[in-house]
Protein backbone atom coordinates (compact mmCIF):
# COMPACT_ATOMS: atom_id res chain seq x y z
CA MET A 1 -22.96 -48.99 -31.68
CA SER A 2 -19.97 -49.21 -29.71
CA GLY A 3 -18.32 -46.42 -31.69
CA ARG A 4 -21.35 -44.12 -30.99
CA CYS A 5 -21.30 -45.10 -27.29
CA ILE A 6 -17.54 -44.13 -27.06
CA CYS A 7 -18.18 -40.99 -28.72
CA ALA A 8 -21.08 -40.16 -26.65
CA GLY A 9 -18.91 -41.19 -23.64
CA LEU A 10 -16.11 -38.83 -24.92
CA THR A 11 -18.58 -35.96 -25.51
CA ALA A 12 -20.07 -36.30 -21.88
CA ALA A 13 -16.57 -36.43 -20.54
CA MET A 14 -15.69 -33.18 -22.48
CA LEU A 15 -18.84 -31.49 -21.22
CA LEU A 16 -18.16 -32.52 -17.54
CA SER A 17 -14.70 -31.29 -17.78
CA SER A 18 -15.65 -28.22 -19.47
CA SER A 19 -18.30 -27.58 -16.75
CA ALA A 20 -15.67 -28.22 -13.96
CA LEU A 21 -13.31 -25.95 -15.50
CA HIS A 22 -15.83 -23.29 -16.04
CA ALA A 23 -16.90 -23.56 -12.47
CA GLN A 24 -13.24 -22.87 -11.31
CA LEU A 25 -12.50 -19.95 -13.45
CA PRO A 26 -13.43 -16.43 -12.58
CA ARG A 27 -15.93 -14.48 -14.39
CA PRO A 28 -14.32 -11.10 -14.90
CA LEU A 29 -17.66 -9.34 -15.74
CA ILE A 30 -19.38 -10.44 -12.50
CA PRO A 31 -18.98 -8.01 -9.58
CA LEU A 32 -16.74 -9.37 -6.79
CA PRO A 33 -18.64 -10.36 -3.60
CA ALA A 34 -18.33 -7.82 -0.67
CA GLU A 35 -16.12 -10.16 1.53
CA GLY A 36 -13.83 -13.17 1.11
CA ASN A 37 -11.69 -11.62 -1.56
CA ARG A 38 -7.89 -11.68 -1.69
CA VAL A 39 -5.49 -9.40 0.13
CA ALA A 40 -2.26 -9.28 -1.72
CA PRO A 41 1.24 -7.54 -1.22
CA PHE A 42 2.78 -5.45 -3.94
CA PHE A 43 6.44 -4.55 -4.65
CA ASP A 44 6.36 -0.86 -5.66
CA GLY A 45 9.92 -0.34 -6.53
CA TRP A 46 13.32 0.66 -5.01
CA TYR A 47 15.40 3.44 -4.18
CA GLU A 48 19.21 3.70 -4.30
CA ASN A 49 20.66 5.54 -1.27
CA GLU A 50 23.67 7.77 -1.12
CA ASP A 51 25.39 5.45 1.23
CA GLY A 52 24.99 2.46 -1.21
CA THR A 53 22.14 0.88 0.52
CA ILE A 54 18.76 -0.09 -1.15
CA THR A 55 15.31 0.65 0.04
CA PHE A 56 12.53 -1.59 -1.17
CA SER A 57 8.94 0.04 -1.14
CA PHE A 58 5.90 -2.13 -0.47
CA GLY A 59 2.04 -1.70 -0.74
CA TYR A 60 -0.94 -3.82 -0.76
CA SER A 61 -4.27 -4.40 -2.52
CA ASN A 62 -7.41 -5.30 -0.57
CA LEU A 63 -10.38 -6.33 -2.96
CA ASN A 64 -12.89 -6.62 0.00
CA LYS A 65 -15.51 -3.76 -0.13
CA ASP A 66 -16.97 -4.02 3.33
CA THR A 67 -14.13 -5.63 5.42
CA ASN A 68 -11.21 -3.77 7.14
CA VAL A 69 -9.07 -6.82 7.06
CA GLU A 70 -6.68 -7.76 9.98
CA ILE A 71 -3.83 -10.21 9.34
CA PRO A 72 -1.63 -10.54 12.49
CA LEU A 73 2.08 -11.09 12.24
CA GLY A 74 2.78 -14.76 11.90
CA PRO A 75 2.37 -17.60 9.54
CA ASP A 76 -0.35 -15.54 7.68
CA ASN A 77 1.72 -12.34 7.30
CA PHE A 78 5.61 -12.51 7.35
CA ILE A 79 8.60 -11.29 5.54
CA VAL A 80 11.78 -13.20 4.73
CA PRO A 81 14.65 -12.83 5.50
CA LYS A 82 13.40 -12.95 9.11
CA GLU A 83 15.51 -9.96 9.98
CA TYR A 84 13.15 -7.70 8.24
CA ASP A 85 9.99 -9.26 9.48
CA GLY A 86 7.72 -7.22 11.73
CA ARG A 87 7.94 -3.91 9.71
CA GLN A 88 4.75 -4.74 7.63
CA PRO A 89 1.30 -3.58 8.55
CA THR A 90 -1.38 -5.88 10.10
CA ALA A 91 -4.35 -3.56 9.21
CA PHE A 92 -5.56 -3.43 5.54
CA PRO A 93 -8.34 -0.83 5.20
CA VAL A 94 -10.98 -1.39 2.59
CA SER A 95 -9.66 1.58 0.57
CA GLY A 96 -6.37 3.20 1.01
CA PRO A 97 -5.75 6.81 0.86
CA ASP A 98 -5.00 6.81 -2.83
CA ALA A 99 -8.62 6.44 -3.79
CA ALA A 100 -9.28 10.01 -4.48
CA ASP A 101 -6.27 10.12 -6.57
CA GLY A 102 -7.76 7.75 -8.89
CA GLY A 103 -4.61 5.57 -9.40
CA GLY A 104 -2.73 8.12 -11.46
CA ALA A 105 -0.47 6.99 -14.19
CA GLY A 106 2.83 5.19 -14.49
CA ARG A 107 4.24 2.04 -12.87
CA ALA A 108 2.02 0.39 -10.72
CA GLY A 109 4.56 -1.96 -9.18
CA THR A 110 5.05 -5.75 -9.09
CA PRO A 111 1.89 -7.46 -8.05
CA ALA A 112 1.87 -10.39 -5.60
CA VAL A 113 2.31 -13.90 -6.99
CA SER A 114 -0.36 -16.57 -6.18
CA ALA A 115 1.20 -19.78 -4.83
CA ALA A 116 -0.90 -21.61 -7.34
CA THR A 117 0.68 -19.63 -10.32
CA ALA A 118 4.16 -18.94 -8.91
CA ALA A 119 5.71 -21.94 -10.72
CA ALA A 120 4.48 -20.77 -14.14
CA ARG A 121 6.18 -17.30 -13.84
CA ALA A 122 9.69 -16.43 -14.74
CA PRO A 123 11.98 -14.73 -12.24
CA GLY A 124 11.11 -10.93 -12.06
CA ALA A 125 7.79 -11.31 -13.74
CA GLY A 126 5.14 -8.97 -12.85
CA GLY A 127 4.15 -5.42 -13.81
CA GLY A 128 0.65 -4.64 -12.42
CA THR A 129 -2.01 -2.52 -13.87
CA VAL A 130 -2.71 1.12 -13.79
CA GLY A 131 -5.88 2.92 -13.47
CA ARG A 132 -8.52 3.73 -10.87
CA GLU A 133 -7.47 1.32 -8.33
CA ARG A 134 -9.50 2.10 -5.19
CA ASP A 135 -8.24 -1.21 -3.69
CA ARG A 136 -4.66 -0.18 -3.76
CA ASP A 137 -2.39 1.58 -1.21
CA ARG A 138 1.17 2.15 -2.56
CA GLY A 139 4.37 2.70 -0.52
CA VAL A 140 2.99 1.73 2.92
CA PHE A 141 6.27 0.77 4.37
CA THR A 142 9.90 0.22 3.22
CA VAL A 143 12.83 -2.18 3.96
CA THR A 144 16.37 -1.07 3.71
CA VAL A 145 18.95 -3.64 2.84
CA PRO A 146 22.81 -3.27 2.73
CA ALA A 147 24.72 -2.63 -0.59
CA SER A 148 26.03 -6.20 -0.42
CA PHE A 149 22.54 -7.71 -0.34
CA LYS A 150 22.00 -10.11 -3.25
CA GLY A 151 18.78 -11.97 -2.63
CA ASP A 152 15.09 -11.02 -2.45
CA VAL A 153 13.05 -9.63 0.45
CA VAL A 154 9.76 -11.60 0.16
CA TRP A 155 6.33 -10.49 1.82
CA THR A 156 3.85 -13.17 2.11
CA LEU A 157 0.06 -12.76 3.04
CA ARG A 158 -2.55 -15.48 3.54
CA TYR A 159 -6.20 -14.55 3.62
CA ALA A 160 -9.56 -16.05 2.54
CA GLY A 161 -7.90 -19.45 1.68
CA GLN A 162 -5.44 -17.70 -0.77
CA THR A 163 -1.74 -17.21 -0.32
CA HIS A 164 0.10 -14.32 -2.25
CA PHE A 165 3.82 -13.32 -1.99
CA VAL A 166 5.79 -10.80 -3.81
CA PRO A 167 9.72 -10.70 -4.12
CA ALA A 168 11.55 -7.23 -3.77
CA ARG A 169 14.67 -6.99 -5.75
CA SER A 170 16.96 -4.31 -7.28
CA LYS A 171 18.11 -6.10 -10.38
CA SER A 172 15.92 -4.15 -12.82
CA THR A 173 16.17 -0.32 -13.28
CA SER A 174 12.47 -0.55 -14.55
CA TYR A 175 11.40 -0.45 -10.91
CA GLN A 176 14.01 2.21 -9.62
CA LEU A 177 12.31 5.08 -8.11
CA SER A 178 13.31 8.67 -7.62
CA TRP A 179 12.17 12.23 -7.34
CA PRO A 180 11.56 15.13 -8.29
CA ALA A 181 8.71 14.28 -10.50
CA ALA A 182 8.20 15.68 -14.09
CA MET A 183 7.35 19.27 -13.07
CA GLY A 184 9.40 19.43 -9.89
CA SER A 185 6.90 17.80 -7.21
CA THR A 186 8.69 15.91 -4.36
CA PRO A 187 7.37 14.36 -1.20
CA PRO A 188 6.70 16.87 1.46
CA LEU A 189 8.75 17.14 4.57
CA LEU A 190 6.91 15.79 7.60
CA ARG A 191 7.61 16.31 11.29
CA PHE A 192 5.93 15.27 14.39
CA GLU A 193 7.53 18.22 16.34
CA GLU A 194 7.66 21.82 14.99
CA LYS A 195 11.34 21.99 15.26
CA GLY A 196 12.03 18.28 15.26
CA ARG A 197 13.55 15.99 12.66
CA ALA A 198 11.88 15.51 9.34
CA GLY A 199 11.11 12.62 7.01
CA ARG A 200 10.68 12.55 3.33
CA GLY A 201 9.16 9.80 1.15
CA PRO A 202 7.87 6.37 1.66
CA VAL A 203 10.62 5.54 4.35
CA GLY A 204 9.25 8.61 6.29
CA ILE A 205 9.68 9.22 9.96
CA GLN A 206 8.70 7.58 13.19
CA ALA A 207 7.30 9.66 16.22
CA PRO A 208 8.19 9.42 19.79
CA PRO A 209 5.61 7.00 21.40
CA LEU A 210 2.40 8.33 23.01
CA LYS A 211 0.02 7.09 25.49
CA ALA A 212 -3.79 7.26 25.55
CA THR A 213 -6.90 5.84 27.12
CA VAL A 214 -9.77 4.03 25.79
CA GLY A 215 -12.58 6.08 24.52
CA THR A 216 -10.65 9.44 25.24
CA PRO A 217 -9.68 11.28 21.98
CA VAL A 218 -5.90 11.91 21.84
CA ALA A 219 -4.51 14.65 19.44
CA LEU A 220 -2.06 13.54 16.74
CA THR A 221 -0.26 16.54 15.07
CA ILE A 222 2.19 16.84 12.18
CA TRP A 223 4.00 19.80 10.63
CA LEU A 224 4.27 19.89 6.87
CA ASN A 225 6.47 21.67 4.40
CA ASP A 226 6.22 21.48 0.61
CA ASP A 227 9.69 22.72 -0.33
CA ALA A 228 9.44 21.70 -4.06
CA VAL A 229 10.03 23.94 -6.83
CA HIS A 230 6.97 23.26 -9.03
CA ASP A 231 6.99 24.16 -12.65
CA LYS A 232 3.83 26.09 -13.69
CA GLU A 233 1.27 23.84 -15.22
CA PRO A 234 0.89 24.73 -19.01
CA ILE A 235 -2.58 23.25 -19.01
CA LYS A 236 -5.21 23.39 -16.07
CA PHE A 237 -6.93 20.01 -15.89
CA GLY A 238 -10.02 21.30 -14.34
CA ARG A 239 -9.59 20.04 -10.84
CA GLU A 240 -9.32 22.30 -7.89
CA ARG A 241 -8.02 20.86 -4.91
CA PRO A 242 -5.27 21.61 -2.20
CA GLY A 243 -1.73 20.93 -3.35
CA MET A 244 -1.30 18.75 -0.22
CA ASN A 245 -3.49 16.00 1.44
CA VAL A 246 -3.24 14.29 4.81
CA SER A 247 -4.64 10.77 5.55
CA TRP A 248 -4.78 8.95 8.79
CA LEU A 249 -4.77 5.25 9.04
CA LYS A 250 -4.58 2.35 11.49
CA TYR A 251 -1.34 0.60 10.74
CA ALA A 252 -1.50 -2.09 13.51
CA GLY A 253 -3.30 -2.74 16.66
CA PRO A 254 -5.83 -4.85 18.41
CA GLY A 255 -8.96 -2.68 17.91
CA SER A 256 -10.57 -0.12 15.89
CA VAL A 257 -9.37 3.46 15.59
CA ALA A 258 -11.60 6.53 14.58
CA PHE A 259 -9.99 9.64 13.36
CA ALA A 260 -11.65 13.06 13.14
CA PRO A 261 -10.81 14.03 10.48
CA GLU A 262 -9.62 10.91 8.62
CA LYS A 263 -8.64 12.75 5.42
CA VAL A 264 -8.12 16.34 4.89
CA GLY A 265 -6.86 18.89 2.31
CA PHE A 266 -3.82 21.04 3.11
CA PRO A 267 -3.94 24.33 1.01
CA ALA A 268 -0.85 25.88 2.60
CA LEU A 269 2.78 25.13 1.69
CA THR A 270 3.69 24.82 5.22
CA GLY A 271 1.93 24.42 8.61
CA GLN A 272 0.45 21.82 10.91
CA SER A 273 -2.51 19.48 10.76
CA THR A 274 -4.07 17.66 13.59
CA THR A 275 -6.58 14.77 14.06
CA MET A 276 -8.22 13.37 17.09
CA ALA A 277 -7.83 9.77 17.45
CA THR A 278 -10.23 7.50 19.56
CA PHE A 279 -9.26 3.86 20.51
CA LYS A 280 -12.11 1.43 21.33
CA GLU A 281 -9.79 -1.21 22.89
CA PRO A 282 -6.59 -1.22 24.98
CA GLY A 283 -3.24 -2.47 23.49
CA GLU A 284 -0.31 -1.39 21.44
CA TYR A 285 -1.13 0.45 18.16
CA MET A 286 0.72 1.98 15.39
CA ILE A 287 -0.80 4.75 13.34
CA ARG A 288 0.36 5.87 9.83
CA VAL A 289 -0.05 9.32 8.55
CA LYS A 290 0.40 9.90 4.85
CA ALA A 291 1.04 13.44 3.53
CA ASP A 292 1.00 13.74 -0.33
CA THR A 293 1.29 16.53 -3.03
CA PHE A 294 -1.29 14.92 -5.22
CA GLY A 295 -2.97 18.25 -6.02
CA TYR A 296 -0.23 18.79 -8.62
CA SER A 297 -0.61 17.09 -11.96
CA ASP A 298 2.69 15.32 -11.87
CA ALA A 299 2.28 13.83 -8.42
CA SER A 300 0.15 10.64 -7.93
CA ALA A 301 0.22 7.33 -6.38
CA GLY A 302 0.46 5.79 -9.81
CA ASN A 303 3.34 7.78 -10.73
CA GLN A 304 4.91 6.42 -7.43
CA CYS A 305 5.35 9.91 -6.29
CA CYS A 306 4.97 12.12 -4.09
CA TRP A 307 4.12 11.26 -0.41
CA THR A 308 5.70 10.87 2.91
CA ASN A 309 4.87 8.39 5.68
CA GLY A 310 4.74 9.09 9.27
CA TYR A 311 4.48 6.28 11.95
CA GLN A 312 2.97 7.15 15.58
CA ARG A 313 3.25 4.43 18.19
CA VAL A 314 0.44 4.59 20.75
CA THR A 315 -0.05 2.59 23.99
CA VAL A 316 -3.59 2.46 24.93
CA THR A 317 -4.95 1.59 28.42
CA ARG A 318 -8.35 1.56 30.19
C-alpha cells in the first residue's frame, strides 16, 4: 500500500510539474497576441572603414501587431559603453520598411539575447532566421568605434516584462558586410540638399535641423542617385516594381507623426522625393528616411544590402 501511495504521489508530482512546465513554455503554432510581445535589438553586422575604424549596424524586431512601441532612452533603452548611448531609436513601428521586401535571403544578423537565456549561450552565439519577417527592420542605425576598440557595444531593450540585449563585435568575418551586391547593386546616394553632401549605406547622413508647428504639414525632401552599375538580370522573377523605394518613419519624439506619403516607389535613377510630415504634439523629433534599391534581384534587407539612411531633426512648437 505504501509503495502504491509513493508511486501515486510521484505520478501526481510529475503531472503537476509537467502541467506547470507546459504552462510556461510557448506554443509555437498559436498566433501571438496583438500586444504585449517582445521588442528586441539585433546586431546586423559590421563594416571595416578605410581609416581602420569599425562600424556596427543595428536593427530591431517588434512582434506587436497593433502597437507602435515607444521605449524612451534610459534604463529600458540604453547602449554600453555609455559614450555610444543615445544614438538608438526610441520609436519601434509595428512593421518596418522591409515588409514589402519579404525579408530576402542571406544573413539576418545576430538576434537579441534574453536575459533568462544569456548564461546558456556561448560568446558570439546567435545567427537569426531568414524569411518573411514583417516585424524586422535592419540597419536602423550604426555605431562607429576606433580601430583600437577591443570590447563589445551592447544594446539593451526592456519591454513587456522582458529584457533583451545584443552585443556587437567584429571578431567574426561571418558578420562582415560590404557592397556591391552580387549583381552590382549598392546603396543609393542620398542628399537633403540638391547640391549638398551625400550619404550612403546604413551610416547615412543627417540633415540640417528644421522647425515646424503642431498640425501644420512640413515638407521633407531628399535627392537620390542610384549610381551603381547593375548587371542585367538573366532571369526575370515576375515582379515589376521601381528599382528604388523611399520610406519615412518616426525615429524618436514625444508624439505621433503622419507622413503623406509614408512609402513611395522611385522609378528613376536620380531625382527628388518629398513627403509632408504632420506632428500632433510639440517637442524634439528625429525622422528617419530609408532609400533602398530593393527593386533589383540582388538587393534586399535579408541580404544586408542595399539601402541608405537619412536622419532629419525637427523642433515642433504650437
